[in-house]
C-alpha atoms as a PDB file:
ATOM      1  CA  MET A   1      -0.830   2.444  14.861  1.00  0.00           C
ATOM      2  CA  LEU A   2      -0.194   4.608  11.786  1.00  0.00           C
ATOM      3  CA  LEU A   3      -2.596   2.507   9.759  1.00  0.00           C
ATOM      4  CA  GLU A   4      -5.353   2.769  12.344  1.00  0.00           C
ATOM      5  CA  ALA A   5      -4.824   6.544  12.585  1.00  0.00           C
ATOM      6  CA  PHE A   6      -5.398   6.671   8.830  1.00  0.00           C
ATOM      7  CA  LEU A   7      -8.302   4.234   8.553  1.00  0.00           C
ATOM      8  CA  SER A   8     -10.334   5.506  11.495  1.00  0.00           C
ATOM      9  CA  PRO A   9     -11.432   8.800   9.860  1.00  0.00           C
ATOM     10  CA  LEU A  10     -12.093   7.019   6.556  1.00  0.00           C
ATOM     11  CA  ARG A  11     -14.470   4.535   8.186  1.00  0.00           C
ATOM     12  CA  THR A  12     -16.824   7.367   9.090  1.00  0.00           C
ATOM     13  CA  ALA A  13     -17.653   8.029   5.437  1.00  0.00           C
ATOM     14  CA  HIS A  14     -16.410   5.109   3.331  1.00  0.00           C
ATOM     15  CA  SER A  15     -16.348   1.378   2.961  1.00  0.00           C
ATOM     16  CA  VAL A  16     -12.881   0.247   4.061  1.00  0.00           C
ATOM     17  CA  LYS A  17     -11.364  -3.143   3.252  1.00  0.00           C
ATOM     18  CA  ARG A  18      -8.304  -3.919   5.381  1.00  0.00           C
ATOM     19  CA  VAL A  19      -6.139  -6.829   4.329  1.00  0.00           C
ATOM     20  CA  ASP A  20      -3.235  -8.010   6.434  1.00  0.00           C
ATOM     21  CA  VAL A  21      -1.136  -9.710   3.780  1.00  0.00           C
ATOM     22  CA  CYS A  22       0.907 -11.573   6.371  1.00  0.00           C
ATOM     23  CA  TYR A  23      -2.196 -13.736   6.971  1.00  0.00           C
ATOM     24  CA  GLN A  24      -2.918 -14.325   3.277  1.00  0.00           C
ATOM     25  CA  HIS A  25      -1.718 -17.257   1.230  1.00  0.00           C
ATOM     26  CA  VAL A  26       0.108 -15.539  -1.619  1.00  0.00           C
ATOM     27  CA  ARG A  27       2.613 -17.495  -3.637  1.00  0.00           C
ATOM     28  CA  PRO A  28       5.466 -15.647  -5.281  1.00  0.00           C
ATOM     29  CA  CYS A  29       5.352 -14.876  -8.990  1.00  0.00           C
ATOM     30  CA  TRP A  30       7.100 -17.621 -10.910  1.00  0.00           C
ATOM     31  CA  SER A  31       7.380 -15.719 -14.220  1.00  0.00           C
ATOM     32  CA  CYS A  32       5.143 -18.064 -16.192  1.00  0.00           C
ATOM     33  CA  TYR A  33       3.977 -15.118 -18.351  1.00  0.00           C
ATOM     34  CA  ALA A  34       0.377 -16.352 -18.329  1.00  0.00           C
ATOM     35  CA  CYS A  35      -0.700 -12.819 -17.389  1.00  0.00           C
ATOM     36  CA  GLN A  36       0.705 -11.560 -20.696  1.00  0.00           C
ATOM     37  CA  ASN A  37      -1.142 -14.176 -22.697  1.00  0.00           C
ATOM     38  CA  ASN A  38      -4.357 -14.523 -20.660  1.00  0.00           C
ATOM     39  CA  SER A  39      -4.648 -11.053 -19.062  1.00  0.00           C
ATOM     40  CA  VAL A  40      -4.903 -12.675 -15.625  1.00  0.00           C
ATOM     41  CA  CYS A  41      -2.617 -14.380 -13.169  1.00  0.00           C
ATOM     42  CA  VAL A  42      -3.318 -18.113 -13.196  1.00  0.00           C
ATOM     43  CA  ALA A  43      -2.006 -18.835  -9.693  1.00  0.00           C
ATOM     44  CA  ASP A  44      -4.974 -19.862  -7.564  1.00  0.00           C
ATOM     45  CA  ASP A  45      -4.447 -18.357  -4.115  1.00  0.00           C
ATOM     46  CA  ASP A  46      -5.613 -15.403  -2.009  1.00  0.00           C
ATOM     47  CA  MET A  47      -4.404 -12.880  -4.594  1.00  0.00           C
ATOM     48  CA  GLN A  48      -7.546 -13.613  -6.594  1.00  0.00           C
ATOM     49  CA  GLN A  49      -9.517 -11.900  -3.802  1.00  0.00           C
ATOM     50  CA  LEU A  50      -7.106  -8.942  -3.655  1.00  0.00           C
ATOM     51  CA  TYR A  51      -7.001  -8.136  -7.373  1.00  0.00           C
ATOM     52  CA  PRO A  52     -10.452  -6.464  -7.536  1.00  0.00           C
ATOM     53  CA  HIS A  53      -9.560  -4.137  -4.643  1.00  0.00           C
ATOM     54  CA  LEU A  54      -6.165  -3.280  -6.091  1.00  0.00           C
ATOM     55  CA  ALA A  55      -7.813  -2.579  -9.448  1.00  0.00           C
ATOM     56  CA  GLU A  56     -10.890  -0.630  -8.359  1.00  0.00           C
ATOM     57  CA  ASP A  57     -10.684   0.937  -4.887  1.00  0.00           C
ATOM     58  CA  ASP A  58     -10.401   4.720  -4.979  1.00  0.00           C
ATOM     59  CA  ILE A  59      -7.743   4.864  -2.274  1.00  0.00           C
ATOM     60  CA  VAL A  60      -5.038   2.220  -1.958  1.00  0.00           C
ATOM     61  CA  VAL A  61      -3.101   2.306   1.308  1.00  0.00           C
ATOM     62  CA  ILE A  62       0.147   0.397   1.719  1.00  0.00           C
ATOM     63  CA  ALA A  63       1.413   0.068   5.292  1.00  0.00           C
ATOM     64  CA  SER A  64       4.647  -1.696   6.161  1.00  0.00           C
ATOM     65  CA  PRO A  65       7.668  -1.622   8.390  1.00  0.00           C
ATOM     66  CA  VAL A  66      10.909  -0.942   6.524  1.00  0.00           C
ATOM     67  CA  TYR A  67      12.958  -4.143   6.396  1.00  0.00           C
ATOM     68  CA  PHE A  68      16.379  -3.762   4.766  1.00  0.00           C
ATOM     69  CA  TYR A  69      15.302  -0.800   2.609  1.00  0.00           C
ATOM     70  CA  GLY A  70      12.028  -2.334   1.462  1.00  0.00           C
ATOM     71  CA  VAL A  71       8.591  -3.601   2.422  1.00  0.00           C
ATOM     72  CA  THR A  72       8.005  -6.958   4.087  1.00  0.00           C
ATOM     73  CA  ALA A  73       8.468 -10.161   2.095  1.00  0.00           C
ATOM     74  CA  GLN A  74       4.737 -10.853   2.234  1.00  0.00           C
ATOM     75  CA  LEU A  75       3.888  -7.450   0.779  1.00  0.00           C
ATOM     76  CA  LYS A  76       6.629  -7.796  -1.830  1.00  0.00           C
ATOM     77  CA  ALA A  77       5.006 -11.057  -2.992  1.00  0.00           C
ATOM     78  CA  VAL A  78       1.710  -9.194  -3.464  1.00  0.00           C
ATOM     79  CA  ILE A  79       3.473  -6.451  -5.415  1.00  0.00           C
ATOM     80  CA  ASP A  80       5.263  -8.961  -7.630  1.00  0.00           C
ATOM     81  CA  ARG A  81       1.980 -10.723  -8.391  1.00  0.00           C
ATOM     82  CA  CYS A  82       0.537  -7.524  -9.875  1.00  0.00           C
ATOM     83  CA  GLN A  83       2.532  -7.903 -13.083  1.00  0.00           C
ATOM     84  CA  HIS A  84      -0.703  -8.393 -15.030  1.00  0.00           C
ATOM     85  CA  PHE A  85      -1.656  -4.762 -14.312  1.00  0.00           C
ATOM     86  CA  TRP A  86       1.577  -3.765 -16.032  1.00  0.00           C
ATOM     87  CA  THR A  87       0.920  -5.928 -19.070  1.00  0.00           C
ATOM     88  CA  ASN A  88      -2.821  -5.124 -19.127  1.00  0.00           C
ATOM     89  CA  PRO A  89      -3.247  -1.535 -17.893  1.00  0.00           C
ATOM     90  CA  ASN A  90      -6.899  -1.354 -18.976  1.00  0.00           C
ATOM     91  CA  GLN A  91      -7.809  -3.795 -16.211  1.00  0.00           C
ATOM     92  CA  ARG A  92      -7.684  -1.124 -13.505  1.00  0.00           C
ATOM     93  CA  LYS A  93      -9.236   2.224 -12.747  1.00  0.00           C
ATOM     94  CA  THR A  94      -7.103   5.322 -12.920  1.00  0.00           C
ATOM     95  CA  ALA A  95      -7.322   8.689 -11.156  1.00  0.00           C
ATOM     96  CA  ARG A  96      -7.025   7.055  -7.754  1.00  0.00           C
ATOM     97  CA  VAL A  97      -4.942   7.877  -4.695  1.00  0.00           C
ATOM     98  CA  GLY A  98      -2.012   5.895  -3.330  1.00  0.00           C
ATOM     99  CA  VAL A  99      -0.909   6.264   0.285  1.00  0.00           C
ATOM    100  CA  LEU A 100       2.209   4.827   1.923  1.00  0.00           C
ATOM    101  CA  LEU A 101       2.570   4.450   5.698  1.00  0.00           C
ATOM    102  CA  LEU A 102       5.960   3.281   6.938  1.00  0.00           C
ATOM    103  CA  THR A 103       7.590   2.561  10.257  1.00  0.00           C
ATOM    104  CA  ALA A 104      11.285   2.009  10.839  1.00  0.00           C
ATOM    105  CA  GLY A 105      13.048   1.045  14.031  1.00  0.00           C
ATOM    106  CA  ALA A 106      16.250   2.843  13.079  1.00  0.00           C
ATOM    107  CA  PRO A 107      16.660   6.581  12.645  1.00  0.00           C
ATOM    108  CA  ASP A 108      16.380   7.502   8.979  1.00  0.00           C
ATOM    109  CA  GLY A 109      18.634  10.547   9.046  1.00  0.00           C
ATOM    110  CA  GLN A 110      19.552  10.390   5.367  1.00  0.00           C
ATOM    111  CA  GLY A 111      16.117   9.164   4.332  1.00  0.00           C
ATOM    112  CA  THR A 112      17.586   6.092   2.663  1.00  0.00           C
ATOM    113  CA  GLY A 113      15.273   3.442   4.130  1.00  0.00           C
ATOM    114  CA  VAL A 114      12.101   5.453   3.670  1.00  0.00           C
ATOM    115  CA  GLY A 115      13.241   6.892   0.330  1.00  0.00           C
ATOM    116  CA  THR A 116      14.234   3.541  -1.158  1.00  0.00           C
ATOM    117  CA  THR A 117      11.031   1.881   0.027  1.00  0.00           C
ATOM    118  CA  ALA A 118       8.882   4.759  -1.215  1.00  0.00           C
ATOM    119  CA  ALA A 119      10.549   4.629  -4.640  1.00  0.00           C
ATOM    120  CA  ALA A 120       9.655   0.961  -5.088  1.00  0.00           C
ATOM    121  CA  VAL A 121       6.094   1.432  -3.819  1.00  0.00           C
ATOM    122  CA  ARG A 122       5.677   4.494  -6.072  1.00  0.00           C
ATOM    123  CA  ILE A 123       6.336   2.324  -9.140  1.00  0.00           C
ATOM    124  CA  PHE A 124       3.899  -0.340  -7.925  1.00  0.00           C
ATOM    125  CA  LEU A 125       1.093   2.111  -7.153  1.00  0.00           C
ATOM    126  CA  THR A 126       1.545   3.844 -10.498  1.00  0.00           C
ATOM    127  CA  CYS A 127       1.319   0.457 -12.199  1.00  0.00           C
ATOM    128  CA  ILE A 128      -2.037  -0.305 -10.565  1.00  0.00           C
ATOM    129  CA  GLY A 129      -3.405   3.164 -11.359  1.00  0.00           C
ATOM    130  CA  ALA A 130      -3.207   4.699  -7.874  1.00  0.00           C
ATOM    131  CA  PRO A 131      -0.170   7.009  -8.004  1.00  0.00           C
ATOM    132  CA  LEU A 132       1.612   7.592  -4.716  1.00  0.00           C
ATOM    133  CA  THR A 133       0.184  10.841  -3.388  1.00  0.00           C
ATOM    134  CA  TYR A 134       1.006  10.738   0.328  1.00  0.00           C
ATOM    135  CA  VAL A 135       3.949   9.249   2.228  1.00  0.00           C
ATOM    136  CA  PHE A 136       4.141   9.170   6.017  1.00  0.00           C
ATOM    137  CA  ALA A 137       6.896   7.589   8.070  1.00  0.00           C
ATOM    138  CA  ALA A 138       7.446   7.071  11.769  1.00  0.00           C
ATOM    139  CA  THR A 139      11.147   6.364  12.122  1.00  0.00           C
ATOM    140  CA  HIS A 140      13.483   5.643  15.028  1.00  0.00           C
ATOM    141  CA  THR A 141      10.676   3.647  16.623  1.00  0.00           C
ATOM    142  CA  ASP A 142      13.167   1.545  18.598  1.00  0.00           C
ATOM    143  CA  ALA A 143      13.718   4.662  20.731  1.00  0.00           C
ATOM    144  CA  VAL A 144      10.508   6.649  20.148  1.00  0.00           C
ATOM    145  CA  PRO A 145       7.433   4.414  19.752  1.00  0.00           C
ATOM    146  CA  VAL A 146       4.872   5.336  17.118  1.00  0.00           C
ATOM    147  CA  HIS A 147       2.282   6.312  19.731  1.00  0.00           C
ATOM    148  CA  GLU A 148       4.699   9.020  20.949  1.00  0.00           C
ATOM    149  CA  GLN A 149       5.217  10.477  17.459  1.00  0.00           C
ATOM    150  CA  HIS A 150       2.256  12.845  17.712  1.00  0.00           C
ATOM    151  CA  GLU A 151       3.207  15.044  14.767  1.00  0.00           C
ATOM    152  CA  VAL A 152       3.241  12.097  12.340  1.00  0.00           C
ATOM    153  CA  LEU A 153       0.037  10.634  13.768  1.00  0.00           C
ATOM    154  CA  GLU A 154      -1.764  13.957  13.442  1.00  0.00           C
ATOM    155  CA  ALA A 155      -0.560  14.461   9.855  1.00  0.00           C
ATOM    156  CA  VAL A 156      -1.785  10.968   8.962  1.00  0.00           C
ATOM    157  CA  ALA A 157      -5.193  11.577  10.570  1.00  0.00           C
ATOM    158  CA  ALA A 158      -5.546  15.018   8.944  1.00  0.00           C
ATOM    159  CA  THR A 159      -4.884  13.567   5.496  1.00  0.00           C
ATOM    160  CA  ALA A 160      -7.378  10.773   6.122  1.00  0.00           C
ATOM    161  CA  ARG A 161     -10.002  13.323   7.162  1.00  0.00           C
ATOM    162  CA  LEU A 162      -9.371  15.210   3.930  1.00  0.00           C
ATOM    163  CA  LEU A 163      -9.768  12.035   1.877  1.00  0.00           C
ATOM    164  CA  ALA A 164     -12.878  11.061   3.862  1.00  0.00           C
ATOM    165  CA  SER A 165     -14.735  14.080   2.581  1.00  0.00           C
ATOM    166  CA  PRO A 166     -17.765  13.294   0.402  1.00  0.00           C
ATOM    167  CA  GLY A 167     -17.167  11.917  -3.058  1.00  0.00           C
ATOM    168  CA  LYS A 168     -13.858  10.212  -2.428  1.00  0.00           C
ATOM    169  CA  GLY A 169     -15.188   6.627  -2.889  1.00  0.00           C
ATOM    170  CA  SER A 170     -14.026   3.328  -1.423  1.00  0.00           C
ATOM    171  CA  CYS A 171     -10.691   2.266  -0.020  1.00  0.00           C
END
Protein backbone atom coordinates (compact mmCIF):
# COMPACT_ATOMS: atom_id res chain seq x y z
CA MET A 1 0.00 0.00 0.00
CA LEU A 2 2.87 2.41 0.72
CA LEU A 3 4.49 1.52 -2.58
CA GLU A 4 1.32 2.10 -4.55
CA ALA A 5 0.78 5.44 -2.78
CA PHE A 6 4.25 6.42 -3.98
CA LEU A 7 4.10 5.05 -7.52
CA SER A 8 0.64 6.30 -8.42
CA PRO A 9 1.58 10.01 -8.67
CA LEU A 10 4.81 9.14 -10.49
CA ARG A 11 2.95 7.22 -13.20
CA THR A 12 1.20 10.40 -14.27
CA ALA A 13 4.45 11.94 -15.51
CA HIS A 14 7.11 9.22 -15.72
CA SER A 15 7.91 5.77 -16.96
CA VAL A 16 7.80 3.49 -13.92
CA LYS A 17 9.33 0.01 -13.78
CA ARG A 18 8.09 -2.01 -10.80
CA VAL A 19 9.95 -5.19 -9.96
CA ASP A 20 8.75 -7.54 -7.26
CA VAL A 21 12.00 -9.27 -6.38
CA CYS A 22 10.20 -12.09 -4.61
CA TYR A 23 9.13 -13.31 -8.08
CA GLN A 24 12.59 -12.97 -9.64
CA HIS A 25 15.18 -15.70 -9.88
CA VAL A 26 18.17 -14.11 -8.17
CA ARG A 27 20.94 -16.31 -6.87
CA PRO A 28 22.99 -15.12 -3.94
CA CYS A 29 26.45 -13.68 -4.49
CA TRP A 30 29.03 -16.42 -4.14
CA SER A 31 32.08 -14.11 -3.88
CA CYS A 32 33.71 -15.29 -7.10
CA TYR A 33 35.18 -11.78 -7.61
CA ALA A 34 34.45 -11.88 -11.35
CA CYS A 35 32.88 -8.42 -11.00
CA GLN A 36 36.26 -7.05 -9.92
CA ASN A 37 38.05 -8.59 -12.86
CA ASN A 38 35.36 -8.34 -15.57
CA SER A 39 33.35 -5.29 -14.39
CA VAL A 40 30.16 -7.37 -14.51
CA CYS A 41 28.53 -10.09 -12.49
CA VAL A 42 28.82 -13.38 -14.37
CA ALA A 43 25.83 -15.09 -12.73
CA ASP A 44 23.19 -15.57 -15.42
CA ASP A 45 19.82 -14.94 -13.78
CA ASP A 46 17.17 -12.22 -13.49
CA MET A 47 19.66 -9.73 -12.03
CA GLN A 48 20.93 -9.12 -15.56
CA GLN A 49 17.57 -7.45 -16.29
CA LEU A 50 17.67 -5.42 -13.06
CA TYR A 51 21.18 -4.01 -13.40
CA PRO A 52 20.33 -1.39 -16.07
CA HIS A 53 17.49 0.00 -13.93
CA LEU A 54 19.59 0.06 -10.79
CA ALA A 55 22.36 1.82 -12.71
CA GLU A 56 20.35 4.36 -14.71
CA ASP A 57 16.88 5.13 -13.35
CA ASP A 58 16.60 8.61 -11.86
CA ILE A 59 14.61 7.46 -8.84
CA VAL A 60 15.25 4.12 -7.15
CA VAL A 61 12.55 3.03 -4.71
CA ILE A 62 13.14 0.21 -2.26
CA ALA A 63 10.03 -1.13 -0.52
CA SER A 64 10.17 -3.90 2.06
CA PRO A 65 8.73 -5.13 5.30
CA VAL A 66 11.22 -5.11 8.17
CA TYR A 67 12.20 -8.70 8.99
CA PHE A 68 14.54 -9.05 11.97
CA TYR A 69 16.02 -5.56 11.54
CA GLY A 70 16.53 -5.82 7.79
CA VAL A 71 14.93 -6.17 4.37
CA THR A 72 13.57 -9.45 3.04
CA ALA A 73 15.96 -12.22 2.04
CA GLN A 74 15.02 -11.79 -1.61
CA LEU A 75 15.83 -8.08 -1.55
CA LYS A 76 19.04 -8.74 0.37
CA ALA A 77 20.15 -11.10 -2.42
CA VAL A 78 19.61 -8.29 -4.95
CA ILE A 79 21.60 -5.89 -2.78
CA ASP A 80 24.44 -8.36 -2.37
CA ARG A 81 24.60 -8.90 -6.13
CA CYS A 82 25.32 -5.20 -6.70
CA GLN A 83 28.93 -5.56 -5.58
CA HIS A 84 30.10 -4.70 -9.10
CA PHE A 85 28.77 -1.15 -8.66
CA TRP A 86 31.08 -0.86 -5.66
CA THR A 87 34.10 -2.13 -7.56
CA ASN A 88 33.17 -0.26 -10.76
CA PRO A 89 31.47 3.00 -9.74
CA ASN A 90 31.63 4.45 -13.27
CA GLN A 91 29.02 1.92 -14.39
CA ARG A 92 26.14 3.89 -12.88
CA LYS A 93 24.66 7.35 -13.08
CA THR A 94 24.98 9.66 -10.12
CA ALA A 95 22.84 12.55 -8.88
CA ARG A 96 19.81 10.31 -8.50
CA VAL A 97 17.27 9.90 -5.72
CA GLY A 98 16.87 6.93 -3.40
CA VAL A 99 13.60 6.28 -1.58
CA LEU A 100 12.93 3.71 1.15
CA LEU A 101 9.42 2.56 2.07
CA LEU A 102 9.16 0.23 5.06
CA THR A 103 6.43 -1.53 6.96
CA ALA A 104 6.81 -3.25 10.30
CA GLY A 105 4.26 -5.26 12.22
CA ALA A 106 5.74 -4.35 15.60
CA PRO A 107 5.83 -0.89 17.12
CA ASP A 108 9.19 0.73 16.47
CA GLY A 109 9.31 2.91 19.57
CA GLN A 110 13.10 3.17 19.67
CA GLY A 111 13.42 3.22 15.90
CA THR A 112 15.73 0.22 15.93
CA GLY A 113 14.07 -1.85 13.20
CA VAL A 114 13.53 1.05 10.84
CA GLY A 115 16.86 2.68 11.73
CA THR A 116 18.91 -0.48 11.27
CA THR A 117 17.19 -1.31 7.98
CA ALA A 118 17.55 2.25 6.70
CA ALA A 119 21.27 2.27 7.56
CA ALA A 120 21.91 -0.82 5.44
CA VAL A 121 19.78 0.44 2.54
CA ARG A 122 21.51 3.84 2.73
CA ILE A 123 24.87 2.18 2.05
CA PHE A 124 23.42 0.18 -0.85
CA LEU A 125 21.73 3.16 -2.50
CA THR A 126 24.87 5.27 -2.14
CA CYS A 127 26.84 2.47 -3.79
CA ILE A 128 24.55 2.45 -6.83
CA GLY A 129 24.60 6.25 -7.11
CA ALA A 130 21.11 6.99 -5.76
CA PRO A 131 21.69 8.29 -2.22
CA LEU A 132 18.88 7.70 0.25
CA THR A 133 16.89 10.93 0.25
CA TYR A 134 13.51 9.90 1.68
CA VAL A 135 12.55 7.29 4.27
CA PHE A 136 8.95 6.46 5.14
CA ALA A 137 7.80 3.79 7.55
CA ALA A 138 4.42 2.46 8.59
CA THR A 139 5.04 0.64 11.85
CA HIS A 140 2.88 -1.26 14.33
CA THR A 141 0.90 -2.60 11.37
CA ASP A 142 -0.17 -5.67 13.36
CA ALA A 143 -2.45 -3.30 15.30
CA VAL A 144 -2.88 -0.38 12.87
CA PRO A 145 -2.98 -1.49 9.22
CA VAL A 146 -1.15 0.61 6.65
CA HIS A 147 -4.40 1.81 5.07
CA GLU A 148 -5.31 3.41 8.43
CA GLN A 149 -1.98 5.27 8.73
CA HIS A 150 -3.20 8.31 6.81
CA GLU A 151 -0.39 10.64 7.86
CA VAL A 152 2.30 8.31 6.46
CA LEU A 153 0.33 7.62 3.29
CA GLU A 154 -0.17 11.33 2.65
CA ALA A 155 3.52 12.10 3.25
CA VAL A 156 4.49 9.36 0.80
CA ALA A 157 2.06 10.64 -1.85
CA ALA A 158 3.15 14.27 -1.35
CA THR A 159 6.80 13.35 -1.87
CA ALA A 160 5.92 11.35 -4.97
CA ARG A 161 4.00 14.32 -6.37
CA LEU A 162 7.06 16.50 -5.77
CA LEU A 163 9.30 14.02 -7.57
CA ALA A 164 6.76 13.66 -10.40
CA SER A 165 7.21 17.28 -11.36
CA PRO A 166 8.68 17.84 -14.84
CA GLY A 167 12.32 17.00 -15.39
CA LYS A 168 12.69 14.31 -12.77
CA GLY A 169 13.23 11.43 -15.27
CA SER A 170 12.47 7.72 -15.00
CA CYS A 171 12.03 5.48 -12.00
